[in-house]
Amino acid sequence: MFARIIKSLTAPRNPSVLLIISKRGDMIHALHLVPETGEIERSSFTDKYPTVQLHGSKETSREPIGTVTLPARGFEATSNFLEEVGTRIRKQWKRPLASSPSTVESVAQWAQDVLRPSALEVMHESEGKADATEETETLSVFLVYITRPKPGKVIKFTSL
């Protein structure tokens, strides 16, 4: 009985995953697919902390995916990158996790089956797209697993 109470109090609540693209010490650009609704939201925020902390949501782990070289056009290039990843996600993932409650395992499985492959496809296609005379920047791409204080959006992100 006590084990069940302890597990309910210590189990991660409302798990989710963000796709993060950033250059160390610079803006972080994030894409979040809300597990309960399937809505995709995006945001950009400054890199104040070594881990993601957004309105009560806290990072539990981070998995590097790789790097991508994009035209150094500031927000436009990263926005286009995240928009393309969002388009791929929509094509591959038709139902929210609401049909089965969002668990750490279901979120991790979704991240590996849908989010990671979508990001890798766009990363691969983005390589070499910049004009040879255009300045580029190399950004790191991560999956960031988080817990949220309640189901739903992480923050009032811009919806795609």
Protein backbone atom coordinates (compact mmCIF):
# COMPACT_ATOMS: atom_id res chain seq x y z
CA MET A 1 0.00 0.00 0.00
CA PHE A 2 2.76 2.45 0.93
CA ALA A 3 4.64 1.53 -2.24
CA ARG A 4 1.62 2.55 -4.34
CA ILE A 5 1.32 5.89 -2.53
CA ILE A 6 5.03 6.60 -2.90
CA LYS A 7 4.94 5.67 -6.59
CA SER A 8 1.96 7.97 -7.22
CA LEU A 9 3.73 10.85 -5.47
CA THR A 10 7.10 10.37 -7.16
CA ALA A 11 6.07 9.23 -10.65
CA PRO A 12 6.72 11.80 -13.40
CA ARG A 13 3.59 13.80 -14.06
CA ASN A 14 2.41 14.78 -17.51
CA PRO A 15 5.50 13.75 -19.46
CA SER A 16 6.21 15.20 -22.86
CA VAL A 17 9.09 15.88 -25.23
CA LEU A 18 10.39 18.98 -27.01
CA LEU A 19 12.50 19.18 -30.12
CA ILE A 20 15.11 21.85 -29.37
CA ILE A 21 17.37 23.57 -31.89
CA SER A 22 19.98 25.99 -30.58
CA LYS A 23 23.50 27.28 -30.55
CA ARG A 24 25.08 27.30 -27.06
CA GLY A 25 24.50 30.61 -25.29
CA ASP A 26 21.98 31.74 -27.90
CA MET A 27 18.23 31.56 -28.41
CA ILE A 28 16.57 28.17 -28.03
CA HIS A 29 13.89 27.32 -30.56
CA ALA A 30 11.47 24.60 -29.52
CA LEU A 31 8.73 22.50 -31.05
CA HIS A 32 6.28 20.71 -28.75
CA LEU A 33 3.57 18.30 -29.76
CA VAL A 34 0.94 18.30 -27.02
CA PRO A 35 0.41 14.58 -26.27
CA GLU A 36 -3.19 15.02 -25.16
CA THR A 37 -4.43 16.95 -28.22
CA GLY A 38 -1.92 16.49 -31.02
CA GLU A 39 -1.54 20.26 -31.34
CA ILE A 40 1.94 21.42 -32.33
CA GLU A 41 3.28 24.51 -30.63
CA ARG A 42 6.53 26.43 -31.10
CA SER A 43 8.45 28.92 -29.05
CA SER A 44 11.79 30.66 -28.76
CA PHE A 45 13.37 31.61 -25.47
CA THR A 46 16.75 32.56 -24.09
CA ASP A 47 19.25 30.07 -22.73
CA LYS A 48 19.20 31.16 -19.06
CA TYR A 49 19.52 27.76 -17.43
CA PRO A 50 21.52 24.63 -18.21
CA THR A 51 18.20 22.73 -18.37
CA VAL A 52 14.80 23.66 -19.81
CA GLN A 53 12.44 25.22 -17.25
CA LEU A 54 9.24 26.69 -18.66
CA HIS A 55 6.33 27.77 -16.47
CA GLY A 56 6.57 24.81 -14.14
CA SER A 57 7.73 22.32 -16.78
CA LYS A 58 11.10 20.79 -16.01
CA GLU A 59 13.61 18.91 -18.11
CA THR A 60 14.16 15.32 -17.03
CA SER A 61 16.61 14.25 -19.74
CA ARG A 62 18.17 15.39 -23.00
CA GLU A 63 19.12 13.29 -26.01
CA PRO A 64 21.33 14.82 -28.70
CA ILE A 65 20.17 14.06 -32.24
CA GLY A 66 22.93 15.84 -34.15
CA THR A 67 23.66 19.17 -35.78
CA VAL A 68 22.20 20.99 -38.72
CA THR A 69 23.74 23.78 -40.78
CA LEU A 70 21.22 26.43 -41.76
CA PRO A 71 21.48 29.80 -43.46
CA ALA A 72 22.37 32.43 -40.85
CA ARG A 73 19.11 34.32 -41.30
CA GLY A 74 18.22 34.34 -37.64
CA PHE A 75 14.70 33.34 -36.76
CA GLU A 76 13.60 32.69 -40.36
CA ALA A 77 15.83 29.65 -40.97
CA THR A 78 15.06 27.98 -37.63
CA SER A 79 11.37 28.75 -38.04
CA ASN A 80 11.36 27.10 -41.48
CA PHE A 81 13.21 24.10 -40.06
CA LEU A 82 10.69 23.62 -37.23
CA GLU A 83 7.76 24.18 -39.59
CA GLU A 84 9.04 21.43 -41.88
CA VAL A 85 9.52 19.05 -38.92
CA GLY A 86 5.94 19.86 -37.84
CA THR A 87 4.67 19.02 -41.33
CA ARG A 88 6.45 15.64 -41.22
CA ILE A 89 5.03 14.91 -37.77
CA ARG A 90 1.49 15.60 -38.97
CA LYS A 91 1.96 13.19 -41.87
CA GLN A 92 3.23 10.37 -39.63
CA TRP A 93 1.18 10.84 -36.49
CA LYS A 94 -2.58 10.87 -36.80
CA ARG A 95 -3.78 10.51 -33.22
CA PRO A 96 -2.99 12.15 -29.91
CA LEU A 97 -1.77 10.04 -27.01
CA ALA A 98 -5.05 10.88 -25.27
CA SER A 99 -6.41 7.52 -26.41
CA SER A 100 -3.89 6.04 -23.99
CA PRO A 101 -2.77 8.21 -21.09
CA SER A 102 0.52 9.99 -21.56
CA THR A 103 3.16 7.94 -19.79
CA VAL A 104 6.93 8.26 -19.83
CA GLU A 105 7.07 5.10 -21.94
CA SER A 106 4.43 6.22 -24.48
CA VAL A 107 6.07 9.64 -24.88
CA ALA A 108 9.52 8.06 -25.31
CA GLN A 109 8.14 5.60 -27.87
CA TRP A 110 6.45 8.41 -29.81
CA ALA A 111 9.67 10.45 -29.74
CA GLN A 112 11.64 7.52 -31.19
CA ASP A 113 8.99 6.47 -33.74
CA VAL A 114 7.84 9.88 -35.01
CA LEU A 115 9.68 12.94 -33.70
CA ARG A 116 13.27 11.72 -34.07
CA PRO A 117 12.83 10.35 -37.65
CA SER A 118 10.98 13.51 -38.71
CA ALA A 119 13.77 15.72 -37.37
CA LEU A 120 16.49 13.54 -38.92
CA GLU A 121 14.80 13.67 -42.34
CA VAL A 122 14.60 17.46 -42.26
CA MET A 123 18.17 17.74 -40.94
CA HIS A 124 19.43 15.56 -43.79
CA GLU A 125 17.47 17.50 -46.42
CA SER A 126 18.60 20.86 -45.00
CA GLU A 127 22.30 20.04 -45.41
CA GLY A 128 23.79 21.76 -48.42
CA LYS A 129 20.69 23.83 -49.16
CA ALA A 130 22.34 27.13 -48.27
CA ASP A 131 23.71 29.15 -51.16
CA ALA A 132 27.52 28.82 -51.33
CA THR A 133 27.88 32.58 -50.87
CA GLU A 134 25.45 32.68 -47.96
CA GLU A 135 26.66 32.74 -44.37
CA THR A 136 25.60 29.65 -42.39
CA GLU A 137 25.45 28.58 -38.76
CA THR A 138 25.58 25.13 -37.23
CA LEU A 139 22.96 24.42 -34.59
CA SER A 140 22.57 21.51 -32.20
CA VAL A 141 19.35 19.50 -32.24
CA PHE A 142 18.05 17.70 -29.13
CA LEU A 143 15.07 15.78 -27.85
CA VAL A 144 14.33 17.20 -24.40
CA TYR A 145 12.06 15.11 -22.20
CA ILE A 146 10.06 17.16 -19.71
CA THR A 147 7.42 16.85 -17.03
CA ARG A 148 4.63 19.41 -16.98
CA PRO A 149 2.62 20.65 -14.00
CA LYS A 150 -0.60 19.79 -15.86
CA PRO A 151 -1.62 18.24 -19.18
CA GLY A 152 -1.70 20.47 -22.23
CA LYS A 153 0.52 23.20 -23.55
CA VAL A 154 3.93 23.89 -22.07
CA ILE A 155 3.61 27.63 -22.58
CA LYS A 156 1.63 29.83 -24.88
CA PHE A 157 3.74 28.78 -27.83
CA THR A 158 2.92 29.90 -31.34
CA SER A 159 0.76 27.10 -32.74
CA LEU A 160 1.67 25.67 -36.14
